[in-house]
């Protein structure tokens, strides 16, 4: 059975919200610096200061200052090797924080296990539907001359969602494996003697 509905990243974790409402809330109750920090921490690929400034609705220079502070604090990395300087988060830290959020979300380990199974089933459905084993193989099917523009767009979107699910599967799997370790502590850790 093929799914014609692609879930958003929040739906795969059981955390849906009204996107338009959350965007309006973000603009009304945050400063430019807050928006830059939020966007920078959620990057899934390296981005320029201009891109981040545009997404945050803030000007370039103050955005760049905030990004440099985040680099100094170890929250972001800076890459000067290309034609434009890009910034990206520490993906290990990002994955650990997401695993902790999943652990603290009020969901049970069984619910996360069910979501993990759903994500894997969705990928298997796409593999069966298109006869491919990866998002890039699916992108390769765009060369088929019989596809119309709508089907090409659909396959591009599915390939992006497939990559997203592959990342989510790793994070959700980690949260399940380390469920006890990720539990919030109520007592301060004792110092080793």
N, C-alpha and C. Protein backbone atom coordinates (compact mmCIF):
# COMPACT_ATOMS: atom_id res chain seq x y z
N UNK A 1 0.84 -1.18 0.00
CA UNK A 1 0.00 0.00 0.00
C UNK A 1 0.88 1.24 0.00
N UNK A 2 0.58 2.18 -0.85
CA UNK A 2 1.39 3.38 -0.99
C UNK A 2 0.75 4.53 -0.25
N UNK A 3 1.55 5.24 0.49
CA UNK A 3 1.05 6.41 1.20
C UNK A 3 1.15 7.61 0.28
N UNK A 4 0.07 8.36 0.15
CA UNK A 4 0.12 9.57 -0.66
C UNK A 4 0.29 10.79 0.23
N UNK A 5 0.37 10.58 1.52
CA UNK A 5 0.51 11.68 2.47
C UNK A 5 1.91 11.62 3.07
N UNK A 6 2.61 12.71 3.01
CA UNK A 6 3.94 12.77 3.60
C UNK A 6 3.83 13.53 4.91
N UNK A 7 4.25 12.88 5.99
CA UNK A 7 4.18 13.51 7.30
C UNK A 7 5.30 14.53 7.47
N UNK A 8 5.03 15.55 8.26
CA UNK A 8 6.07 16.52 8.58
C UNK A 8 6.93 15.95 9.69
N UNK A 9 8.11 16.58 9.90
CA UNK A 9 9.01 16.06 10.93
C UNK A 9 8.36 16.09 12.30
N UNK A 10 7.49 17.08 12.57
CA UNK A 10 6.84 17.12 13.87
C UNK A 10 5.81 16.01 14.01
N UNK A 11 5.14 15.64 12.91
CA UNK A 11 4.16 14.58 12.97
C UNK A 11 4.81 13.23 13.21
N UNK A 12 6.00 13.01 12.68
CA UNK A 12 6.68 11.73 12.90
C UNK A 12 7.05 11.57 14.37
N UNK A 13 7.16 12.66 15.09
CA UNK A 13 7.49 12.59 16.51
C UNK A 13 6.27 12.79 17.39
N UNK A 14 5.11 12.99 16.75
CA UNK A 14 3.91 13.19 17.52
C UNK A 14 3.80 14.59 18.10
N UNK A 15 4.48 15.56 17.47
CA UNK A 15 4.48 16.91 17.99
C UNK A 15 3.95 17.86 16.92
N UNK A 16 2.65 17.81 16.65
CA UNK A 16 2.09 18.68 15.63
C UNK A 16 1.68 20.00 16.25
N UNK A 17 1.71 21.04 15.44
CA UNK A 17 1.23 22.34 15.85
C UNK A 17 0.85 23.12 14.61
N UNK A 18 0.11 24.17 14.78
CA UNK A 18 -0.29 25.03 13.68
C UNK A 18 0.92 25.85 13.27
N UNK A 19 1.49 25.55 12.09
CA UNK A 19 2.72 26.20 11.65
C UNK A 19 2.55 27.71 11.52
N UNK A 20 1.45 28.15 10.94
CA UNK A 20 1.26 29.59 10.77
C UNK A 20 1.17 30.28 12.12
N UNK A 21 0.55 29.65 13.08
CA UNK A 21 0.45 30.22 14.41
C UNK A 21 1.82 30.28 15.08
N UNK A 22 2.63 29.22 14.94
CA UNK A 22 3.94 29.22 15.58
C UNK A 22 4.87 30.24 14.93
N UNK A 23 4.78 30.43 13.61
CA UNK A 23 5.62 31.42 12.96
C UNK A 23 5.25 32.83 13.40
N UNK A 24 3.94 33.11 13.50
CA UNK A 24 3.51 34.42 13.97
C UNK A 24 3.94 34.66 15.41
N UNK A 25 3.84 33.63 16.22
CA UNK A 25 4.26 33.73 17.61
C UNK A 25 5.75 34.00 17.70
N UNK A 26 6.53 33.32 16.85
CA UNK A 26 7.98 33.52 16.86
C UNK A 26 8.31 34.97 16.55
N UNK A 27 7.64 35.55 15.56
CA UNK A 27 7.93 36.92 15.18
C UNK A 27 7.48 37.92 16.25
N UNK A 28 6.37 37.64 16.91
CA UNK A 28 5.82 38.58 17.89
C UNK A 28 6.58 38.56 19.21
N UNK A 29 7.11 37.42 19.63
CA UNK A 29 7.64 37.29 20.97
C UNK A 29 9.13 37.05 21.03
N UNK A 30 9.85 37.26 19.95
CA UNK A 30 11.28 37.03 19.97
C UNK A 30 12.03 38.22 19.39
N UNK A 31 13.27 38.33 19.80
CA UNK A 31 14.15 39.34 19.23
C UNK A 31 14.82 38.77 17.99
N UNK A 32 15.48 39.63 17.23
CA UNK A 32 16.23 39.15 16.07
C UNK A 32 17.28 38.14 16.49
N UNK A 33 17.96 38.41 17.59
CA UNK A 33 18.98 37.48 18.08
C UNK A 33 18.37 36.13 18.43
N UNK A 34 17.20 36.13 19.08
CA UNK A 34 16.53 34.87 19.41
C UNK A 34 16.22 34.08 18.15
N UNK A 35 15.72 34.78 17.12
CA UNK A 35 15.36 34.09 15.88
C UNK A 35 16.59 33.52 15.19
N UNK A 36 17.70 34.26 15.19
CA UNK A 36 18.93 33.75 14.59
C UNK A 36 19.38 32.49 15.34
N UNK A 37 19.35 32.53 16.65
CA UNK A 37 19.75 31.36 17.45
C UNK A 37 18.86 30.15 17.15
N UNK A 38 17.55 30.38 17.09
CA UNK A 38 16.63 29.26 16.81
C UNK A 38 16.89 28.66 15.43
N UNK A 39 17.05 29.52 14.44
CA UNK A 39 17.26 29.03 13.08
C UNK A 39 18.61 28.33 12.97
N UNK A 40 19.66 28.90 13.56
CA UNK A 40 20.99 28.31 13.48
C UNK A 40 21.03 26.93 14.12
N UNK A 41 20.32 26.76 15.21
CA UNK A 41 20.34 25.46 15.90
C UNK A 41 19.54 24.40 15.16
N UNK A 42 18.69 24.80 14.23
CA UNK A 42 17.86 23.84 13.51
C UNK A 42 18.35 23.57 12.09
N UNK A 43 19.50 24.10 11.73
CA UNK A 43 20.01 23.89 10.37
C UNK A 43 20.26 22.41 10.12
N UNK A 44 19.88 21.95 8.95
CA UNK A 44 20.17 20.56 8.57
C UNK A 44 21.28 20.51 7.54
N UNK A 45 21.73 21.68 7.08
CA UNK A 45 22.86 21.75 6.16
C UNK A 45 23.54 23.10 6.34
N UNK A 46 24.81 23.22 5.96
CA UNK A 46 25.51 24.51 6.12
C UNK A 46 24.80 25.63 5.36
N UNK A 47 24.71 26.80 5.99
CA UNK A 47 24.06 27.96 5.39
C UNK A 47 24.89 29.22 5.62
N UNK A 48 24.74 30.20 4.74
CA UNK A 48 25.46 31.46 4.86
C UNK A 48 24.76 32.36 5.88
N UNK A 49 25.51 33.37 6.34
CA UNK A 49 24.93 34.36 7.26
C UNK A 49 23.77 35.08 6.58
N UNK A 50 23.89 35.35 5.29
CA UNK A 50 22.79 36.02 4.56
C UNK A 50 21.52 35.18 4.56
N UNK A 51 21.66 33.89 4.35
CA UNK A 51 20.50 33.00 4.33
C UNK A 51 19.85 32.99 5.71
N UNK A 52 20.66 32.85 6.76
CA UNK A 52 20.14 32.81 8.12
C UNK A 52 19.48 34.14 8.47
N UNK A 53 20.12 35.26 8.09
CA UNK A 53 19.54 36.59 8.35
C UNK A 53 18.18 36.72 7.67
N UNK A 54 18.09 36.26 6.44
CA UNK A 54 16.83 36.34 5.70
C UNK A 54 15.74 35.52 6.40
N UNK A 55 16.08 34.30 6.80
CA UNK A 55 15.11 33.44 7.49
C UNK A 55 14.67 34.05 8.82
N UNK A 56 15.60 34.73 9.49
CA UNK A 56 15.30 35.33 10.80
C UNK A 56 14.63 36.69 10.67
N UNK A 57 14.61 37.24 9.46
CA UNK A 57 14.04 38.57 9.28
C UNK A 57 14.84 39.64 9.99
N UNK A 58 16.16 39.51 9.93
CA UNK A 58 17.05 40.43 10.63
C UNK A 58 18.18 40.81 9.69
N UNK A 59 18.89 41.87 9.96
CA UNK A 59 19.94 42.32 9.05
C UNK A 59 21.21 41.48 9.18
N UNK A 60 22.06 41.59 8.16
CA UNK A 60 23.24 40.74 8.03
C UNK A 60 24.25 40.91 9.17
N UNK A 61 24.66 42.14 9.44
CA UNK A 61 25.75 42.36 10.42
C UNK A 61 25.43 41.84 11.82
N UNK A 62 24.26 42.18 12.39
CA UNK A 62 23.97 41.62 13.71
C UNK A 62 23.82 40.10 13.67
N UNK A 63 23.30 39.58 12.57
CA UNK A 63 23.19 38.12 12.43
C UNK A 63 24.58 37.50 12.47
N UNK A 64 25.51 38.09 11.74
CA UNK A 64 26.87 37.55 11.70
C UNK A 64 27.52 37.59 13.09
N UNK A 65 27.29 38.67 13.85
CA UNK A 65 27.83 38.74 15.21
C UNK A 65 27.29 37.63 16.10
N UNK A 66 25.99 37.37 16.00
CA UNK A 66 25.39 36.29 16.79
C UNK A 66 25.97 34.94 16.36
N UNK A 67 26.11 34.72 15.06
CA UNK A 67 26.66 33.46 14.56
C UNK A 67 28.09 33.26 15.06
N UNK A 68 28.88 34.32 15.06
CA UNK A 68 30.27 34.21 15.54
C UNK A 68 30.30 33.88 17.03
N UNK A 69 29.38 34.44 17.81
CA UNK A 69 29.31 34.08 19.24
C UNK A 69 28.95 32.61 19.40
N UNK A 70 28.02 32.14 18.56
CA UNK A 70 27.64 30.73 18.63
C UNK A 70 28.81 29.82 18.24
N UNK A 71 29.64 30.27 17.31
CA UNK A 71 30.86 29.51 16.96
C UNK A 71 31.80 29.50 18.16
N UNK A 72 32.02 30.67 18.77
CA UNK A 72 32.90 30.76 19.94
C UNK A 72 32.42 29.88 21.08
N UNK A 73 31.09 29.75 21.23
CA UNK A 73 30.51 28.93 22.30
C UNK A 73 30.46 27.44 21.95
N UNK A 74 30.87 27.07 20.74
CA UNK A 74 30.87 25.66 20.34
C UNK A 74 29.51 25.14 19.90
N UNK A 75 28.53 26.02 19.74
CA UNK A 75 27.20 25.61 19.31
C UNK A 75 27.17 25.40 17.81
N UNK A 76 27.90 26.26 17.08
CA UNK A 76 27.98 26.17 15.62
C UNK A 76 29.42 25.97 15.19
N UNK A 77 29.57 25.50 13.96
CA UNK A 77 30.88 25.43 13.30
C UNK A 77 30.84 26.39 12.12
N UNK A 78 32.00 26.93 11.77
CA UNK A 78 32.11 27.82 10.62
C UNK A 78 33.00 27.13 9.59
N UNK A 79 32.60 27.21 8.33
CA UNK A 79 33.39 26.65 7.24
C UNK A 79 33.75 27.77 6.28
N UNK A 80 35.06 28.09 6.20
CA UNK A 80 35.55 29.15 5.33
C UNK A 80 36.15 28.60 4.04
N UNK A 81 35.99 27.31 3.78
CA UNK A 81 36.69 26.69 2.65
C UNK A 81 36.05 26.99 1.29
N UNK A 82 34.78 27.37 1.27
CA UNK A 82 34.10 27.61 -0.01
C UNK A 82 34.17 29.08 -0.40
N UNK A 83 33.39 29.43 -1.40
CA UNK A 83 33.36 30.82 -1.85
C UNK A 83 32.66 31.72 -0.84
N UNK A 84 31.77 31.16 -0.04
CA UNK A 84 31.07 31.89 1.01
C UNK A 84 31.23 31.15 2.33
N UNK A 85 31.40 31.88 3.40
CA UNK A 85 31.46 31.27 4.73
C UNK A 85 30.09 30.71 5.07
N UNK A 86 30.08 29.48 5.56
CA UNK A 86 28.82 28.86 5.98
C UNK A 86 28.91 28.46 7.44
N UNK A 87 27.76 28.30 8.04
CA UNK A 87 27.64 27.92 9.45
C UNK A 87 26.76 26.68 9.54
N UNK A 88 27.10 25.81 10.47
CA UNK A 88 26.28 24.61 10.68
C UNK A 88 26.44 24.17 12.13
N UNK A 89 25.40 23.52 12.67
CA UNK A 89 25.46 23.11 14.07
C UNK A 89 26.34 21.88 14.27
N UNK A 90 26.66 21.64 15.51
CA UNK A 90 27.32 20.39 15.88
C UNK A 90 26.23 19.32 15.82
N UNK A 91 26.24 18.51 14.78
CA UNK A 91 25.16 17.56 14.56
C UNK A 91 25.06 16.52 15.67
N UNK A 92 26.19 16.20 16.32
CA UNK A 92 26.14 15.26 17.44
C UNK A 92 25.37 15.88 18.60
N UNK A 93 25.67 17.14 18.89
CA UNK A 93 24.95 17.84 19.97
C UNK A 93 23.47 17.95 19.62
N UNK A 94 23.20 18.28 18.37
CA UNK A 94 21.82 18.42 17.90
C UNK A 94 21.07 17.09 18.07
N UNK A 95 21.70 15.98 17.71
CA UNK A 95 21.06 14.67 17.82
C UNK A 95 20.82 14.31 19.29
N UNK A 96 21.80 14.61 20.15
CA UNK A 96 21.65 14.31 21.58
C UNK A 96 20.51 15.14 22.18
N UNK A 97 20.44 16.41 21.83
CA UNK A 97 19.37 17.26 22.35
C UNK A 97 18.01 16.78 21.86
N UNK A 98 17.93 16.37 20.60
CA UNK A 98 16.66 15.86 20.07
C UNK A 98 16.28 14.56 20.77
N UNK A 99 17.23 13.68 21.02
CA UNK A 99 16.95 12.44 21.74
C UNK A 99 16.44 12.75 23.15
N UNK A 100 17.03 13.74 23.81
CA UNK A 100 16.59 14.13 25.14
C UNK A 100 15.17 14.72 25.09
N UNK A 101 14.88 15.51 24.06
CA UNK A 101 13.53 16.06 23.91
C UNK A 101 12.51 14.94 23.71
N UNK A 102 12.88 13.94 22.92
CA UNK A 102 11.98 12.81 22.72
C UNK A 102 11.74 12.09 24.04
N UNK A 103 12.80 11.90 24.81
CA UNK A 103 12.69 11.21 26.11
C UNK A 103 11.81 12.00 27.07
N UNK A 104 11.93 13.32 27.03
CA UNK A 104 11.20 14.18 27.96
C UNK A 104 9.81 14.57 27.46
N UNK A 105 9.42 14.12 26.28
CA UNK A 105 8.19 14.59 25.64
C UNK A 105 6.92 14.03 26.25
N UNK A 106 7.02 13.09 27.15
CA UNK A 106 5.82 12.48 27.71
C UNK A 106 5.39 11.22 26.98
N UNK A 107 6.07 10.91 25.87
CA UNK A 107 5.77 9.67 25.15
C UNK A 107 6.44 8.50 25.87
N UNK A 108 5.85 7.34 25.71
CA UNK A 108 6.47 6.14 26.27
C UNK A 108 7.45 5.57 25.25
N UNK A 109 8.32 4.71 25.72
CA UNK A 109 9.26 4.05 24.83
C UNK A 109 8.51 3.20 23.80
N UNK A 110 7.35 2.66 24.20
CA UNK A 110 6.54 1.88 23.26
C UNK A 110 5.98 2.76 22.14
N UNK A 111 5.55 3.97 22.48
CA UNK A 111 5.05 4.89 21.45
C UNK A 111 6.16 5.27 20.47
N UNK A 112 7.35 5.53 20.98
CA UNK A 112 8.46 5.85 20.09
C UNK A 112 8.84 4.65 19.23
N UNK A 113 8.75 3.47 19.81
CA UNK A 113 9.04 2.25 19.03
C UNK A 113 8.02 2.10 17.90
N UNK A 114 6.76 2.40 18.18
CA UNK A 114 5.73 2.36 17.13
C UNK A 114 6.03 3.37 16.04
N UNK A 115 6.45 4.57 16.42
CA UNK A 115 6.79 5.60 15.42
C UNK A 115 7.99 5.18 14.59
N UNK A 116 8.96 4.56 15.24
CA UNK A 116 10.13 4.05 14.52
C UNK A 116 9.68 3.01 13.48
N UNK A 117 8.80 2.12 13.87
CA UNK A 117 8.29 1.10 12.95
C UNK A 117 7.52 1.77 11.80
N UNK A 118 6.73 2.81 12.10
CA UNK A 118 5.99 3.53 11.05
C UNK A 118 6.94 4.16 10.04
N UNK A 119 8.02 4.79 10.53
CA UNK A 119 8.97 5.44 9.62
C UNK A 119 9.64 4.41 8.72
N UNK A 120 10.04 3.28 9.31
CA UNK A 120 10.69 2.23 8.51
C UNK A 120 9.72 1.64 7.50
N UNK A 121 8.46 1.49 7.89
CA UNK A 121 7.45 0.96 6.97
C UNK A 121 7.23 1.93 5.80
N UNK A 122 7.25 3.24 6.09
CA UNK A 122 7.08 4.24 5.03
C UNK A 122 8.21 4.11 4.01
N UNK A 123 9.44 3.95 4.48
CA UNK A 123 10.58 3.80 3.57
C UNK A 123 10.43 2.52 2.74
N UNK A 124 10.02 1.43 3.39
CA UNK A 124 9.81 0.17 2.63
C UNK A 124 8.73 0.35 1.56
N UNK A 125 7.67 1.11 1.89
CA UNK A 125 6.62 1.37 0.90
C UNK A 125 7.18 2.10 -0.31
N UNK A 126 8.03 3.10 -0.07
CA UNK A 126 8.63 3.84 -1.18
C UNK A 126 9.57 2.93 -1.99
N UNK A 127 10.34 2.09 -1.30
CA UNK A 127 11.22 1.16 -2.01
C UNK A 127 10.41 0.26 -2.94
N UNK A 128 9.29 -0.25 -2.42
CA UNK A 128 8.43 -1.14 -3.21
C UNK A 128 7.75 -0.38 -4.36
N UNK A 129 7.23 0.81 -4.07
CA UNK A 129 6.50 1.56 -5.08
C UNK A 129 7.39 1.93 -6.27
N UNK A 130 8.62 2.36 -5.99
CA UNK A 130 9.49 2.86 -7.05
C UNK A 130 10.58 1.88 -7.47
N UNK A 131 10.71 0.74 -6.78
CA UNK A 131 11.74 -0.24 -7.13
C UNK A 131 13.15 0.29 -6.94
N UNK A 132 13.36 1.10 -5.90
CA UNK A 132 14.66 1.69 -5.60
C UNK A 132 15.02 1.42 -4.15
N UNK A 133 16.29 1.67 -3.80
CA UNK A 133 16.75 1.39 -2.44
C UNK A 133 17.25 2.62 -1.69
N UNK A 134 17.20 3.79 -2.33
CA UNK A 134 17.72 4.99 -1.67
C UNK A 134 17.06 6.24 -2.25
N UNK A 135 17.15 7.35 -1.51
CA UNK A 135 16.61 8.60 -2.05
C UNK A 135 17.28 9.02 -3.36
N UNK A 136 18.58 8.82 -3.48
CA UNK A 136 19.26 9.20 -4.72
C UNK A 136 18.85 8.32 -5.88
N UNK A 137 18.60 7.05 -5.64
CA UNK A 137 18.09 6.19 -6.71
C UNK A 137 16.71 6.68 -7.15
N UNK A 138 15.90 7.13 -6.19
CA UNK A 138 14.60 7.69 -6.55
C UNK A 138 14.77 8.95 -7.39
N UNK A 139 15.71 9.80 -7.02
CA UNK A 139 15.98 10.99 -7.83
C UNK A 139 16.41 10.60 -9.24
N UNK A 140 17.13 9.50 -9.35
CA UNK A 140 17.57 9.03 -10.67
C UNK A 140 16.41 8.66 -11.57
N UNK A 141 15.26 8.32 -10.99
CA UNK A 141 14.09 7.96 -11.82
C UNK A 141 13.48 9.18 -12.50
N UNK A 142 13.91 10.38 -12.11
CA UNK A 142 13.39 11.59 -12.75
C UNK A 142 13.81 11.67 -14.22
N UNK A 143 14.78 10.88 -14.61
CA UNK A 143 15.22 10.86 -16.00
C UNK A 143 14.23 10.14 -16.92
N UNK A 144 13.29 9.41 -16.33
CA UNK A 144 12.29 8.70 -17.13
C UNK A 144 11.44 9.71 -17.90
N UNK A 145 11.38 9.56 -19.20
CA UNK A 145 10.66 10.52 -20.04
C UNK A 145 9.15 10.47 -19.86
N UNK A 146 8.63 9.38 -19.34
CA UNK A 146 7.17 9.24 -19.22
C UNK A 146 6.60 10.00 -18.03
N UNK A 147 7.44 10.56 -17.17
CA UNK A 147 6.95 11.27 -15.98
C UNK A 147 6.48 12.68 -16.33
N UNK A 148 5.33 13.06 -15.75
CA UNK A 148 4.89 14.45 -15.93
C UNK A 148 5.48 15.30 -14.80
N UNK A 149 5.31 16.61 -14.89
CA UNK A 149 5.91 17.54 -13.93
C UNK A 149 5.43 17.28 -12.50
N UNK A 150 4.15 16.96 -12.33
CA UNK A 150 3.62 16.69 -10.99
C UNK A 150 4.28 15.48 -10.36
N UNK A 151 4.48 14.42 -11.16
CA UNK A 151 5.12 13.21 -10.63
C UNK A 151 6.59 13.47 -10.32
N UNK A 152 7.26 14.28 -11.13
CA UNK A 152 8.65 14.63 -10.83
C UNK A 152 8.74 15.38 -9.51
N UNK A 153 7.83 16.35 -9.30
CA UNK A 153 7.81 17.10 -8.04
C UNK A 153 7.53 16.17 -6.86
N UNK A 154 6.59 15.26 -7.05
CA UNK A 154 6.24 14.31 -5.99
C UNK A 154 7.45 13.46 -5.62
N UNK A 155 8.18 12.99 -6.61
CA UNK A 155 9.35 12.14 -6.33
C UNK A 155 10.47 12.94 -5.66
N UNK A 156 10.65 14.18 -6.06
CA UNK A 156 11.65 15.03 -5.38
C UNK A 156 11.29 15.21 -3.91
N UNK A 157 10.02 15.49 -3.65
CA UNK A 157 9.56 15.68 -2.26
C UNK A 157 9.72 14.39 -1.45
N UNK A 158 9.38 13.28 -2.04
CA UNK A 158 9.53 12.00 -1.35
C UNK A 158 11.01 11.73 -1.06
N UNK A 159 11.90 12.03 -1.99
CA UNK A 159 13.33 11.81 -1.76
C UNK A 159 13.81 12.66 -0.58
N UNK A 160 13.36 13.91 -0.51
CA UNK A 160 13.74 14.76 0.64
C UNK A 160 13.19 14.19 1.94
N UNK A 161 11.94 13.78 1.92
CA UNK A 161 11.32 13.22 3.12
C UNK A 161 12.00 11.90 3.52
N UNK A 162 12.40 11.10 2.54
CA UNK A 162 13.09 9.85 2.79
C UNK A 162 14.41 10.12 3.54
N UNK A 163 15.17 11.11 3.08
CA UNK A 163 16.41 11.47 3.77
C UNK A 163 16.12 11.94 5.18
N UNK A 164 15.07 12.72 5.34
CA UNK A 164 14.68 13.18 6.67
C UNK A 164 14.35 12.00 7.57
N UNK A 165 13.58 11.05 7.06
CA UNK A 165 13.21 9.88 7.86
C UNK A 165 14.44 9.05 8.22
N UNK A 166 15.40 8.94 7.33
CA UNK A 166 16.62 8.20 7.66
C UNK A 166 17.33 8.85 8.86
N UNK A 167 17.38 10.18 8.89
CA UNK A 167 17.98 10.88 10.04
C UNK A 167 17.14 10.66 11.30
N UNK A 168 15.82 10.77 11.16
CA UNK A 168 14.92 10.59 12.32
C UNK A 168 15.04 9.18 12.88
N UNK A 169 15.14 8.20 12.00
CA UNK A 169 15.25 6.81 12.46
C UNK A 169 16.47 6.65 13.36
N UNK A 170 17.59 7.26 12.96
CA UNK A 170 18.80 7.16 13.78
C UNK A 170 18.59 7.81 15.15
N UNK A 171 17.96 8.98 15.17
CA UNK A 171 17.77 9.70 16.43
C UNK A 171 16.76 8.97 17.32
N UNK A 172 15.63 8.56 16.75
CA UNK A 172 14.62 7.86 17.53
C UNK A 172 15.18 6.53 18.02
N UNK A 173 15.93 5.84 17.17
CA UNK A 173 16.56 4.58 17.59
C UNK A 173 17.52 4.79 18.75
N UNK A 174 18.30 5.87 18.68
CA UNK A 174 19.22 6.20 19.77
C UNK A 174 18.44 6.49 21.05
N UNK A 175 17.36 7.27 20.94
CA UNK A 175 16.55 7.59 22.13
C UNK A 175 15.98 6.33 22.76
N UNK A 176 15.55 5.39 21.94
CA UNK A 176 15.01 4.13 22.46
C UNK A 176 16.11 3.31 23.13
N UNK A 177 17.25 3.17 22.44
CA UNK A 177 18.37 2.39 23.01
C UNK A 177 18.87 2.96 24.33
N UNK A 178 18.90 4.29 24.41
CA UNK A 178 19.46 4.96 25.59
C UNK A 178 18.37 5.55 26.49
N UNK A 179 17.17 4.96 26.46
CA UNK A 179 16.02 5.48 27.19
C UNK A 179 16.34 5.75 28.66
N UNK A 180 16.93 4.79 29.34
CA UNK A 180 17.23 4.97 30.77
C UNK A 180 18.30 6.03 30.98
N UNK A 181 19.32 6.02 30.14
CA UNK A 181 20.40 7.00 30.27
C UNK A 181 19.89 8.42 30.06
N UNK A 182 18.95 8.61 29.16
CA UNK A 182 18.43 9.94 28.82
C UNK A 182 17.39 10.46 29.81
N UNK A 183 17.02 9.64 30.78
CA UNK A 183 16.01 10.08 31.76
C UNK A 183 16.52 11.30 32.52
N UNK A 184 15.64 12.27 32.76
CA UNK A 184 16.08 13.44 33.54
C UNK A 184 16.50 13.01 34.94
N UNK A 185 17.56 13.61 35.41
CA UNK A 185 18.03 13.28 36.75
C UNK A 185 17.40 14.24 37.74
N UNK A 186 17.09 13.72 38.92
CA UNK A 186 16.50 14.56 39.95
C UNK A 186 17.50 14.84 41.06
N UNK A 187 18.62 14.13 41.04
CA UNK A 187 19.64 14.34 42.06
C UNK A 187 20.92 14.79 41.39
N UNK A 188 21.68 15.68 42.04
CA UNK A 188 22.96 16.08 41.45
C UNK A 188 23.91 14.89 41.43
N UNK A 189 24.72 14.84 40.38
CA UNK A 189 25.69 13.75 40.26
C UNK A 189 26.73 13.88 41.35
N UNK A 190 27.14 12.73 41.91
CA UNK A 190 28.18 12.74 42.95
C UNK A 190 29.54 12.86 42.30
N UNK A 191 30.41 13.59 42.93
CA UNK A 191 31.78 13.72 42.43
C UNK A 191 32.55 12.45 42.74
N UNK A 192 33.36 12.01 41.81
CA UNK A 192 34.19 10.83 42.03
C UNK A 192 35.32 11.19 42.96
N UNK A 193 35.65 10.22 43.82
CA UNK A 193 36.77 10.50 44.72
C UNK A 193 38.03 9.83 44.26
